[in-house]
């Protein structure tokens, strides 16, 4: 968050795949439930190989768009090698960024 606090999330799987929640939304909803409203970045670590390819799904990207601005950073990779994108790069022409329609 912009205040410097870090929230962690994990995937919560369910046999009914539509009921599954991703780590990104778990972390966001935890932060939001504790009053956070200003976000700086999210780091997504996982996958196989040298550089993880675990980009956030569309539902997670839309949640980010609801609470973040277009410059919000999305860091994807491993602790050794990673890439950084902005929300605007990963979700262009969305339903508004930061609550703006």
PDB file of N, CA and C in Angstrom:
ATOM      1  N   UNK A   1       0.839  -1.173   0.000  1.00  0.00           N
ATOM      2  CA  UNK A   1       0.000   0.000   0.000  1.00  0.00           C
ATOM      3  C   UNK A   1       0.889   1.241   0.000  1.00  0.00           C
ATOM      4  N   UNK A   2       0.298   2.388  -0.277  1.00  0.00           N
ATOM      5  CA  UNK A   2       1.085   3.626  -0.257  1.00  0.00           C
ATOM      6  C   UNK A   2       1.550   3.976   1.148  1.00  0.00           C
ATOM      7  N   UNK A   3       0.890   3.408   2.167  1.00  0.00           N
ATOM      8  CA  UNK A   3       1.314   3.645   3.550  1.00  0.00           C
ATOM      9  C   UNK A   3       2.505   2.770   3.931  1.00  0.00           C
ATOM     10  N   UNK A   4       2.867   1.825   3.057  1.00  0.00           N
ATOM     11  CA  UNK A   4       4.008   0.958   3.320  1.00  0.00           C
ATOM     12  C   UNK A   4       3.653  -0.393   3.906  1.00  0.00           C
ATOM     13  N   UNK A   5       2.402  -0.607   4.235  1.00  0.00           N
ATOM     14  CA  UNK A   5       1.992  -1.886   4.804  1.00  0.00           C
ATOM     15  C   UNK A   5       1.881  -2.934   3.699  1.00  0.00           C
ATOM     16  N   UNK A   6       2.271  -4.156   4.013  1.00  0.00           N
ATOM     17  CA  UNK A   6       2.235  -5.262   3.054  1.00  0.00           C
ATOM     18  C   UNK A   6       1.152  -6.245   3.464  1.00  0.00           C
ATOM     19  N   UNK A   7       0.325  -6.638   2.511  1.00  0.00           N
ATOM     20  CA  UNK A   7      -0.710  -7.647   2.723  1.00  0.00           C
ATOM     21  C   UNK A   7      -0.395  -8.832   1.836  1.00  0.00           C
ATOM     22  N   UNK A   8      -0.540 -10.036   2.373  1.00  0.00           N
ATOM     23  CA  UNK A   8      -0.251 -11.250   1.621  1.00  0.00           C
ATOM     24  C   UNK A   8      -1.548 -11.934   1.226  1.00  0.00           C
ATOM     25  N   UNK A   9      -1.483 -12.692   0.138  1.00  0.00           N
ATOM     26  CA  UNK A   9      -2.637 -13.454  -0.307  1.00  0.00           C
ATOM     27  C   UNK A   9      -2.195 -14.800  -0.828  1.00  0.00           C
ATOM     28  N   UNK A  10      -3.138 -15.714  -0.924  1.00  0.00           N
ATOM     29  CA  UNK A  10      -2.873 -17.022  -1.511  1.00  0.00           C
ATOM     30  C   UNK A  10      -4.103 -17.420  -2.315  1.00  0.00           C
ATOM     31  N   UNK A  11      -3.913 -18.329  -3.254  1.00  0.00           N
ATOM     32  CA  UNK A  11      -5.050 -18.856  -3.993  1.00  0.00           C
ATOM     33  C   UNK A  11      -5.888 -19.705  -3.044  1.00  0.00           C
ATOM     34  N   UNK A  12      -7.186 -19.577  -3.136  1.00  0.00           N
ATOM     35  CA  UNK A  12      -8.092 -20.411  -2.357  1.00  0.00           C
ATOM     36  C   UNK A  12      -8.940 -21.164  -3.369  1.00  0.00           C
ATOM     37  N   UNK A  13      -8.573 -22.423  -3.569  1.00  0.00           N
ATOM     38  CA  UNK A  13      -9.199 -23.243  -4.610  1.00  0.00           C
ATOM     39  C   UNK A  13     -10.506 -23.852  -4.119  1.00  0.00           C
ATOM     40  N   UNK A  14     -11.356 -24.181  -5.081  1.00  0.00           N
ATOM     41  CA  UNK A  14     -12.647 -24.787  -4.783  1.00  0.00           C
ATOM     42  C   UNK A  14     -13.015 -25.668  -5.965  1.00  0.00           C
ATOM     43  N   UNK A  15     -13.691 -26.785  -5.707  1.00  0.00           N
ATOM     44  CA  UNK A  15     -14.085 -27.692  -6.784  1.00  0.00           C
ATOM     45  C   UNK A  15     -14.977 -26.999  -7.812  1.00  0.00           C
ATOM     46  N   UNK A  16     -15.763 -26.047  -7.381  1.00  0.00           N
ATOM     47  CA  UNK A  16     -16.554 -25.227  -8.305  1.00  0.00           C
ATOM     48  C   UNK A  16     -15.652 -24.056  -8.693  1.00  0.00           C
ATOM     49  N   UNK A  17     -14.983 -24.169  -9.826  1.00  0.00           N
ATOM     50  CA  UNK A  17     -13.932 -23.220 -10.193  1.00  0.00           C
ATOM     51  C   UNK A  17     -14.361 -21.766 -10.133  1.00  0.00           C
ATOM     52  N   UNK A  18     -15.608 -21.476 -10.403  1.00  0.00           N
ATOM     53  CA  UNK A  18     -16.069 -20.092 -10.316  1.00  0.00           C
ATOM     54  C   UNK A  18     -16.018 -19.528  -8.911  1.00  0.00           C
ATOM     55  N   UNK A  19     -15.958 -20.409  -7.925  1.00  0.00           N
ATOM     56  CA  UNK A  19     -15.899 -19.970  -6.526  1.00  0.00           C
ATOM     57  C   UNK A  19     -14.471 -19.807  -6.022  1.00  0.00           C
ATOM     58  N   UNK A  20     -13.502 -20.136  -6.856  1.00  0.00           N
ATOM     59  CA  UNK A  20     -12.093 -19.996  -6.485  1.00  0.00           C
ATOM     60  C   UNK A  20     -11.741 -18.511  -6.416  1.00  0.00           C
ATOM     61  N   UNK A  21     -10.829 -18.151  -5.524  1.00  0.00           N
ATOM     62  CA  UNK A  21     -10.363 -16.756  -5.452  1.00  0.00           C
ATOM     63  C   UNK A  21      -8.850 -16.745  -5.561  1.00  0.00           C
ATOM     64  N   UNK A  22      -8.362 -15.825  -6.348  1.00  0.00           N
ATOM     65  CA  UNK A  22      -6.921 -15.718  -6.605  1.00  0.00           C
ATOM     66  C   UNK A  22      -6.201 -15.014  -5.459  1.00  0.00           C
ATOM     67  N   UNK A  23      -4.909 -15.218  -5.391  1.00  0.00           N
ATOM     68  CA  UNK A  23      -4.085 -14.596  -4.356  1.00  0.00           C
ATOM     69  C   UNK A  23      -4.159 -13.073  -4.413  1.00  0.00           C
ATOM     70  N   UNK A  24      -4.207 -12.535  -5.622  1.00  0.00           N
ATOM     71  CA  UNK A  24      -4.242 -11.085  -5.776  1.00  0.00           C
ATOM     72  C   UNK A  24      -5.484 -10.489  -5.119  1.00  0.00           C
ATOM     73  N   UNK A  25      -6.647 -11.088  -5.395  1.00  0.00           N
ATOM     74  CA  UNK A  25      -7.876 -10.579  -4.784  1.00  0.00           C
ATOM     75  C   UNK A  25      -7.901 -10.833  -3.286  1.00  0.00           C
ATOM     76  N   UNK A  26      -7.339 -11.966  -2.837  1.00  0.00           N
ATOM     77  CA  UNK A  26      -7.268 -12.228  -1.397  1.00  0.00           C
ATOM     78  C   UNK A  26      -6.505 -11.103  -0.698  1.00  0.00           C
ATOM     79  N   UNK A  27      -5.356 -10.725  -1.238  1.00  0.00           N
ATOM     80  CA  UNK A  27      -4.544  -9.657  -0.632  1.00  0.00           C
ATOM     81  C   UNK A  27      -5.273  -8.317  -0.683  1.00  0.00           C
ATOM     82  N   UNK A  28      -5.860  -7.998  -1.833  1.00  0.00           N
ATOM     83  CA  UNK A  28      -6.586  -6.731  -1.951  1.00  0.00           C
ATOM     84  C   UNK A  28      -7.752  -6.665  -0.974  1.00  0.00           C
ATOM     85  N   UNK A  29      -8.563  -7.712  -0.919  1.00  0.00           N
ATOM     86  CA  UNK A  29      -9.741  -7.685  -0.061  1.00  0.00           C
ATOM     87  C   UNK A  29      -9.349  -7.629   1.416  1.00  0.00           C
ATOM     88  N   UNK A  30      -8.246  -8.265   1.785  1.00  0.00           N
ATOM     89  CA  UNK A  30      -7.746  -8.177   3.165  1.00  0.00           C
ATOM     90  C   UNK A  30      -7.375  -6.733   3.479  1.00  0.00           C
ATOM     91  N   UNK A  31      -6.629  -6.108   2.578  1.00  0.00           N
ATOM     92  CA  UNK A  31      -6.217  -4.713   2.788  1.00  0.00           C
ATOM     93  C   UNK A  31      -7.427  -3.786   2.846  1.00  0.00           C
ATOM     94  N   UNK A  32      -8.351  -3.963   1.929  1.00  0.00           N
ATOM     95  CA  UNK A  32      -9.538  -3.114   1.883  1.00  0.00           C
ATOM     96  C   UNK A  32     -10.371  -3.299   3.147  1.00  0.00           C
ATOM     97  N   UNK A  33     -10.491  -4.541   3.627  1.00  0.00           N
ATOM     98  CA  UNK A  33     -11.274  -4.791   4.844  1.00  0.00           C
ATOM     99  C   UNK A  33     -10.641  -4.147   6.068  1.00  0.00           C
ATOM    100  N   UNK A  34      -9.344  -3.846   5.981  1.00  0.00           N
ATOM    101  CA  UNK A  34      -8.654  -3.188   7.093  1.00  0.00           C
ATOM    102  C   UNK A  34      -8.520  -1.684   6.880  1.00  0.00           C
ATOM    103  N   UNK A  35      -9.237  -1.150   5.867  1.00  0.00           N
ATOM    104  CA  UNK A  35      -9.299   0.297   5.687  1.00  0.00           C
ATOM    105  C   UNK A  35      -8.360   0.893   4.659  1.00  0.00           C
ATOM    106  N   UNK A  36      -7.517   0.097   4.042  1.00  0.00           N
ATOM    107  CA  UNK A  36      -6.602   0.626   3.032  1.00  0.00           C
ATOM    108  C   UNK A  36      -7.378   1.035   1.790  1.00  0.00           C
ATOM    109  N   UNK A  37      -6.988   2.157   1.199  1.00  0.00           N
ATOM    110  CA  UNK A  37      -7.629   2.618  -0.026  1.00  0.00           C
ATOM    111  C   UNK A  37      -6.622   3.120  -1.061  1.00  0.00           C
ATOM    112  N   UNK A  38      -5.358   3.193  -0.685  1.00  0.00           N
ATOM    113  CA  UNK A  38      -4.334   3.695  -1.610  1.00  0.00           C
ATOM    114  C   UNK A  38      -3.268   2.630  -1.785  1.00  0.00           C
ATOM    115  N   UNK A  39      -3.071   2.217  -3.036  1.00  0.00           N
ATOM    116  CA  UNK A  39      -2.177   1.107  -3.331  1.00  0.00           C
ATOM    117  C   UNK A  39      -1.061   1.531  -4.262  1.00  0.00           C
ATOM    118  N   UNK A  40       0.119   0.987  -4.037  1.00  0.00           N
ATOM    119  CA  UNK A  40       1.318   1.325  -4.799  1.00  0.00           C
ATOM    120  C   UNK A  40       1.690   0.243  -5.803  1.00  0.00           C
ATOM    121  N   UNK A  41       1.707  -1.033  -5.342  1.00  0.00           N
ATOM    122  CA  UNK A  41       2.185  -2.127  -6.198  1.00  0.00           C
ATOM    123  C   UNK A  41       1.713  -3.460  -5.654  1.00  0.00           C
ATOM    124  N   UNK A  42       1.785  -4.469  -6.521  1.00  0.00           N
ATOM    125  CA  UNK A  42       1.548  -5.848  -6.121  1.00  0.00           C
ATOM    126  C   UNK A  42       2.651  -6.695  -6.745  1.00  0.00           C
ATOM    127  N   UNK A  43       3.152  -7.664  -5.993  1.00  0.00           N
ATOM    128  CA  UNK A  43       4.154  -8.607  -6.502  1.00  0.00           C
ATOM    129  C   UNK A  43       3.498  -9.973  -6.610  1.00  0.00           C
ATOM    130  N   UNK A  44       3.615 -10.583  -7.774  1.00  0.00           N
ATOM    131  CA  UNK A  44       3.037 -11.908  -8.019  1.00  0.00           C
ATOM    132  C   UNK A  44       4.189 -12.849  -8.318  1.00  0.00           C
ATOM    133  N   UNK A  45       4.394 -13.826  -7.424  1.00  0.00           N
ATOM    134  CA  UNK A  45       5.519 -14.745  -7.539  1.00  0.00           C
ATOM    135  C   UNK A  45       4.980 -16.155  -7.673  1.00  0.00           C
ATOM    136  N   UNK A  46       5.508 -16.893  -8.627  1.00  0.00           N
ATOM    137  CA  UNK A  46       5.070 -18.274  -8.793  1.00  0.00           C
ATOM    138  C   UNK A  46       5.341 -18.772 -10.190  1.00  0.00           C
ATOM    139  N   UNK A  47       4.789 -19.917 -10.495  1.00  0.00           N
ATOM    140  CA  UNK A  47       4.982 -20.496 -11.815  1.00  0.00           C
ATOM    141  C   UNK A  47       6.254 -21.311 -11.881  1.00  0.00           C
ATOM    142  N   UNK A  48       6.562 -21.779 -13.075  1.00  0.00           N
ATOM    143  CA  UNK A  48       7.729 -22.623 -13.285  1.00  0.00           C
ATOM    144  C   UNK A  48       8.727 -21.906 -14.183  1.00  0.00           C
ATOM    145  N   UNK A  49       9.959 -22.322 -14.080  1.00  0.00           N
ATOM    146  CA  UNK A  49      10.968 -21.782 -14.968  1.00  0.00           C
ATOM    147  C   UNK A  49      11.652 -20.560 -14.417  1.00  0.00           C
ATOM    148  N   UNK A  50      12.462 -19.992 -15.269  1.00  0.00           N
ATOM    149  CA  UNK A  50      13.300 -18.864 -14.890  1.00  0.00           C
ATOM    150  C   UNK A  50      12.482 -17.611 -14.593  1.00  0.00           C
ATOM    151  N   UNK A  51      11.473 -17.337 -15.408  1.00  0.00           N
ATOM    152  CA  UNK A  51      10.635 -16.157 -15.213  1.00  0.00           C
ATOM    153  C   UNK A  51       9.184 -16.602 -15.181  1.00  0.00           C
ATOM    154  N   UNK A  52       8.541 -16.374 -14.090  1.00  0.00           N
ATOM    155  CA  UNK A  52       7.158 -16.834 -13.959  1.00  0.00           C
ATOM    156  C   UNK A  52       6.276 -16.101 -14.953  1.00  0.00           C
ATOM    157  N   UNK A  53       5.256 -16.780 -15.398  1.00  0.00           N
ATOM    158  CA  UNK A  53       4.319 -16.182 -16.336  1.00  0.00           C
ATOM    159  C   UNK A  53       2.918 -16.138 -15.741  1.00  0.00           C
ATOM    160  N   UNK A  54       2.859 -15.907 -14.436  1.00  0.00           N
ATOM    161  CA  UNK A  54       1.563 -15.917 -13.745  1.00  0.00           C
ATOM    162  C   UNK A  54       0.994 -14.498 -13.684  1.00  0.00           C
ATOM    163  N   UNK A  55       0.517 -14.039 -14.827  1.00  0.00           N
ATOM    164  CA  UNK A  55      -0.120 -12.728 -14.892  1.00  0.00           C
ATOM    165  C   UNK A  55      -1.463 -12.779 -14.177  1.00  0.00           C
ATOM    166  N   UNK A  56      -1.932 -11.667 -13.625  1.00  0.00           N
ATOM    167  CA  UNK A  56      -3.231 -11.671 -12.962  1.00  0.00           C
ATOM    168  C   UNK A  56      -4.362 -11.904 -13.967  1.00  0.00           C
ATOM    169  N   UNK A  57      -5.387 -12.613 -13.535  1.00  0.00           N
ATOM    170  CA  UNK A  57      -6.533 -12.898 -14.407  1.00  0.00           C
ATOM    171  C   UNK A  57      -7.349 -11.611 -14.607  1.00  0.00           C
ATOM    172  N   UNK A  58      -8.329 -11.690 -15.487  1.00  0.00           N
ATOM    173  CA  UNK A  58      -9.166 -10.528 -15.776  1.00  0.00           C
ATOM    174  C   UNK A  58      -9.928 -10.017 -14.568  1.00  0.00           C
ATOM    175  N   UNK A  59     -10.454 -10.936 -13.746  1.00  0.00           N
ATOM    176  CA  UNK A  59     -11.189 -10.515 -12.548  1.00  0.00           C
ATOM    177  C   UNK A  59     -10.272  -9.749 -11.594  1.00  0.00           C
ATOM    178  N   UNK A  60      -9.045 -10.234 -11.417  1.00  0.00           N
ATOM    179  CA  UNK A  60      -8.087  -9.549 -10.535  1.00  0.00           C
ATOM    180  C   UNK A  60      -7.698  -8.188 -11.102  1.00  0.00           C
ATOM    181  N   UNK A  61      -7.489  -8.133 -12.422  1.00  0.00           N
ATOM    182  CA  UNK A  61      -7.146  -6.854 -13.049  1.00  0.00           C
ATOM    183  C   UNK A  61      -8.268  -5.840 -12.864  1.00  0.00           C
ATOM    184  N   UNK A  62      -9.516  -6.282 -12.961  1.00  0.00           N
ATOM    185  CA  UNK A  62     -10.633  -5.356 -12.781  1.00  0.00           C
ATOM    186  C   UNK A  62     -10.725  -4.880 -11.335  1.00  0.00           C
ATOM    187  N   UNK A  63     -10.469  -5.757 -10.360  1.00  0.00           N
ATOM    188  CA  UNK A  63     -10.446  -5.323  -8.955  1.00  0.00           C
ATOM    189  C   UNK A  63      -9.362  -4.263  -8.772  1.00  0.00           C
ATOM    190  N   UNK A  64      -8.190  -4.486  -9.363  1.00  0.00           N
ATOM    191  CA  UNK A  64      -7.117  -3.491  -9.278  1.00  0.00           C
ATOM    192  C   UNK A  64      -7.577  -2.164  -9.875  1.00  0.00           C
ATOM    193  N   UNK A  65      -8.290  -2.220 -11.003  1.00  0.00           N
ATOM    194  CA  UNK A  65      -8.769  -1.000 -11.648  1.00  0.00           C
ATOM    195  C   UNK A  65      -9.762  -0.242 -10.774  1.00  0.00           C
ATOM    196  N   UNK A  66     -10.509  -0.964  -9.957  1.00  0.00           N
ATOM    197  CA  UNK A  66     -11.480  -0.315  -9.074  1.00  0.00           C
ATOM    198  C   UNK A  66     -10.809   0.483  -7.958  1.00  0.00           C
ATOM    199  N   UNK A  67      -9.603   0.044  -7.538  1.00  0.00           N
ATOM    200  CA  UNK A  67      -8.967   0.646  -6.365  1.00  0.00           C
ATOM    201  C   UNK A  67      -7.631   1.319  -6.626  1.00  0.00           C
ATOM    202  N   UNK A  68      -7.121   1.270  -7.868  1.00  0.00           N
ATOM    203  CA  UNK A  68      -5.789   1.795  -8.146  1.00  0.00           C
ATOM    204  C   UNK A  68      -5.809   2.725  -9.345  1.00  0.00           C
ATOM    205  N   UNK A  69      -4.746   3.508  -9.488  1.00  0.00           N
ATOM    206  CA  UNK A  69      -4.645   4.339 -10.682  1.00  0.00           C
ATOM    207  C   UNK A  69      -3.874   3.588 -11.765  1.00  0.00           C
ATOM    208  N   UNK A  70      -3.794   4.159 -12.942  1.00  0.00           N
ATOM    209  CA  UNK A  70      -3.163   3.495 -14.076  1.00  0.00           C
ATOM    210  C   UNK A  70      -1.675   3.262 -13.914  1.00  0.00           C
ATOM    211  N   UNK A  71      -1.033   4.008 -13.003  1.00  0.00           N
ATOM    212  CA  UNK A  71       0.401   3.837 -12.756  1.00  0.00           C
ATOM    213  C   UNK A  71       0.705   2.780 -11.712  1.00  0.00           C
ATOM    214  N   UNK A  72      -0.329   2.160 -11.158  1.00  0.00           N
ATOM    215  CA  UNK A  72      -0.152   1.082 -10.184  1.00  0.00           C
ATOM    216  C   UNK A  72       0.772   0.034 -10.793  1.00  0.00           C
ATOM    217  N   UNK A  73       1.765  -0.424 -10.012  1.00  0.00           N
ATOM    218  CA  UNK A  73       2.771  -1.353 -10.519  1.00  0.00           C
ATOM    219  C   UNK A  73       2.381  -2.804 -10.227  1.00  0.00           C
ATOM    220  N   UNK A  74       2.570  -3.654 -11.243  1.00  0.00           N
ATOM    221  CA  UNK A  74       2.344  -5.088 -11.117  1.00  0.00           C
ATOM    222  C   UNK A  74       3.672  -5.764 -11.426  1.00  0.00           C
ATOM    223  N   UNK A  75       4.290  -6.340 -10.390  1.00  0.00           N
ATOM    224  CA  UNK A  75       5.600  -6.980 -10.512  1.00  0.00           C
ATOM    225  C   UNK A  75       5.370  -8.483 -10.623  1.00  0.00           C
ATOM    226  N   UNK A  76       5.872  -9.075 -11.688  1.00  0.00           N
ATOM    227  CA  UNK A  76       5.635 -10.493 -11.970  1.00  0.00           C
ATOM    228  C   UNK A  76       6.972 -11.188 -12.142  1.00  0.00           C
ATOM    229  N   UNK A  77       7.192 -12.288 -11.429  1.00  0.00           N
ATOM    230  CA  UNK A  77       8.427 -13.037 -11.611  1.00  0.00           C
ATOM    231  C   UNK A  77       8.801 -13.866 -10.407  1.00  0.00           C
ATOM    232  N   UNK A  78      10.109 -13.988 -10.238  1.00  0.00           N
ATOM    233  CA  UNK A  78      10.689 -14.688  -9.102  1.00  0.00           C
ATOM    234  C   UNK A  78      11.556 -13.684  -8.358  1.00  0.00           C
ATOM    235  N   UNK A  79      12.012 -14.012  -7.158  1.00  0.00           N
ATOM    236  CA  UNK A  79      12.892 -13.065  -6.464  1.00  0.00           C
ATOM    237  C   UNK A  79      14.164 -12.750  -7.253  1.00  0.00           C
ATOM    238  N   UNK A  80      14.588 -13.676  -8.113  1.00  0.00           N
ATOM    239  CA  UNK A  80      15.822 -13.475  -8.879  1.00  0.00           C
ATOM    240  C   UNK A  80      15.602 -12.702 -10.183  1.00  0.00           C
ATOM    241  N   UNK A  81      14.459 -12.887 -10.812  1.00  0.00           N
ATOM    242  CA  UNK A  81      14.210 -12.264 -12.106  1.00  0.00           C
ATOM    243  C   UNK A  81      12.736 -11.905 -12.216  1.00  0.00           C
ATOM    244  N   UNK A  82      12.459 -10.652 -12.553  1.00  0.00           N
ATOM    245  CA  UNK A  82      11.074 -10.204 -12.603  1.00  0.00           C
ATOM    246  C   UNK A  82      10.908  -9.094 -13.633  1.00  0.00           C
ATOM    247  N   UNK A  83       9.656  -8.828 -13.976  1.00  0.00           N
ATOM    248  CA  UNK A  83       9.298  -7.722 -14.862  1.00  0.00           C
ATOM    249  C   UNK A  83       8.237  -6.887 -14.168  1.00  0.00           C
ATOM    250  N   UNK A  84       8.210  -5.599 -14.467  1.00  0.00           N
ATOM    251  CA  UNK A  84       7.230  -4.696 -13.881  1.00  0.00           C
ATOM    252  C   UNK A  84       6.383  -4.085 -14.989  1.00  0.00           C
ATOM    253  N   UNK A  85       5.077  -4.095 -14.772  1.00  0.00           N
ATOM    254  CA  UNK A  85       4.121  -3.514 -15.703  1.00  0.00           C
ATOM    255  C   UNK A  85       3.269  -2.514 -14.931  1.00  0.00           C
ATOM    256  N   UNK A  86       2.616  -1.608 -15.650  1.00  0.00           N
ATOM    257  CA  UNK A  86       1.607  -0.760 -15.017  1.00  0.00           C
ATOM    258  C   UNK A  86       0.240  -1.399 -15.263  1.00  0.00           C
ATOM    259  N   UNK A  87      -0.719  -1.024 -14.440  1.00  0.00           N
ATOM    260  CA  UNK A  87      -2.076  -1.517 -14.618  1.00  0.00           C
ATOM    261  C   UNK A  87      -2.602  -1.137 -15.995  1.00  0.00           C
ATOM    262  N   UNK A  88      -2.301   0.076 -16.449  1.00  0.00           N
ATOM    263  CA  UNK A  88      -2.761   0.510 -17.771  1.00  0.00           C
ATOM    264  C   UNK A  88      -2.207  -0.362 -18.887  1.00  0.00           C
ATOM    265  N   UNK A  89      -0.990  -0.879 -18.723  1.00  0.00           N
ATOM    266  CA  UNK A  89      -0.415  -1.766 -19.740  1.00  0.00           C
ATOM    267  C   UNK A  89      -1.147  -3.108 -19.788  1.00  0.00           C
ATOM    268  N   UNK A  90      -1.515  -3.628 -18.611  1.00  0.00           N
ATOM    269  CA  UNK A  90      -2.145  -4.945 -18.554  1.00  0.00           C
ATOM    270  C   UNK A  90      -3.663  -4.910 -18.711  1.00  0.00           C
ATOM    271  N   UNK A  91      -4.276  -3.746 -18.514  1.00  0.00           N
ATOM    272  CA  UNK A  91      -5.724  -3.645 -18.653  1.00  0.00           C
ATOM    273  C   UNK A  91      -6.088  -2.313 -19.326  1.00  0.00           C
ATOM    274  N   UNK A  92      -5.762  -2.209 -20.607  1.00  0.00           N
ATOM    275  CA  UNK A  92      -6.100  -0.958 -21.303  1.00  0.00           C
ATOM    276  C   UNK A  92      -7.605  -0.855 -21.539  1.00  0.00           C
ATOM    277  N   UNK A  93      -8.123   0.353 -21.567  1.00  0.00           N
ATOM    278  CA  UNK A  93      -9.526   0.619 -21.899  1.00  0.00           C
ATOM    279  C   UNK A  93     -10.493  -0.126 -20.977  1.00  0.00           C
ATOM    280  N   UNK A  94     -10.194  -0.123 -19.688  1.00  0.00           N
ATOM    281  CA  UNK A  94     -11.050  -0.844 -18.731  1.00  0.00           C
ATOM    282  C   UNK A  94     -12.219   0.019 -18.303  1.00  0.00           C
ATOM    283  N   UNK A  95     -13.037  -0.512 -17.378  1.00  0.00           N
ATOM    284  CA  UNK A  95     -14.191   0.190 -16.829  1.00  0.00           C
ATOM    285  C   UNK A  95     -13.779   1.272 -15.843  1.00  0.00           C
ATOM    286  N   UNK A  96     -12.818   2.057 -16.132  1.00  0.00           N
ATOM    287  CA  UNK A  96     -12.407   3.108 -15.221  1.00  0.00           C
ATOM    288  C   UNK A  96     -11.312   2.645 -14.292  1.00  0.00           C
ATOM    289  N   UNK A  97     -10.409   3.546 -14.007  1.00  0.00           N
ATOM    290  CA  UNK A  97      -9.298   3.248 -13.102  1.00  0.00           C
ATOM    291  C   UNK A  97      -9.476   4.129 -11.877  1.00  0.00           C
ATOM    292  N   UNK A  98      -9.300   3.521 -10.719  1.00  0.00           N
ATOM    293  CA  UNK A  98      -9.418   4.254  -9.459  1.00  0.00           C
ATOM    294  C   UNK A  98     -10.825   4.749  -9.185  1.00  0.00           C
ATOM    295  N   UNK A  99     -11.808   4.016  -9.692  1.00  0.00           N
ATOM    296  CA  UNK A  99     -13.194   4.394  -9.451  1.00  0.00           C
ATOM    297  C   UNK A  99     -13.722   5.424 -10.432  1.00  0.00           C
ATOM    298  N   UNK A 100     -12.884   5.891 -11.383  1.00  0.00           N
ATOM    299  CA  UNK A 100     -13.346   6.870 -12.375  1.00  0.00           C
ATOM    300  C   UNK A 100     -13.924   6.137 -13.567  1.00  0.00           C
ATOM    301  N   UNK A 101     -15.106   6.530 -13.992  1.00  0.00           N
ATOM    302  CA  UNK A 101     -15.757   5.889 -15.136  1.00  0.00           C
ATOM    303  C   UNK A 101     -15.596   6.719 -16.385  1.00  0.00           C
TER     304      UNK A 101
END
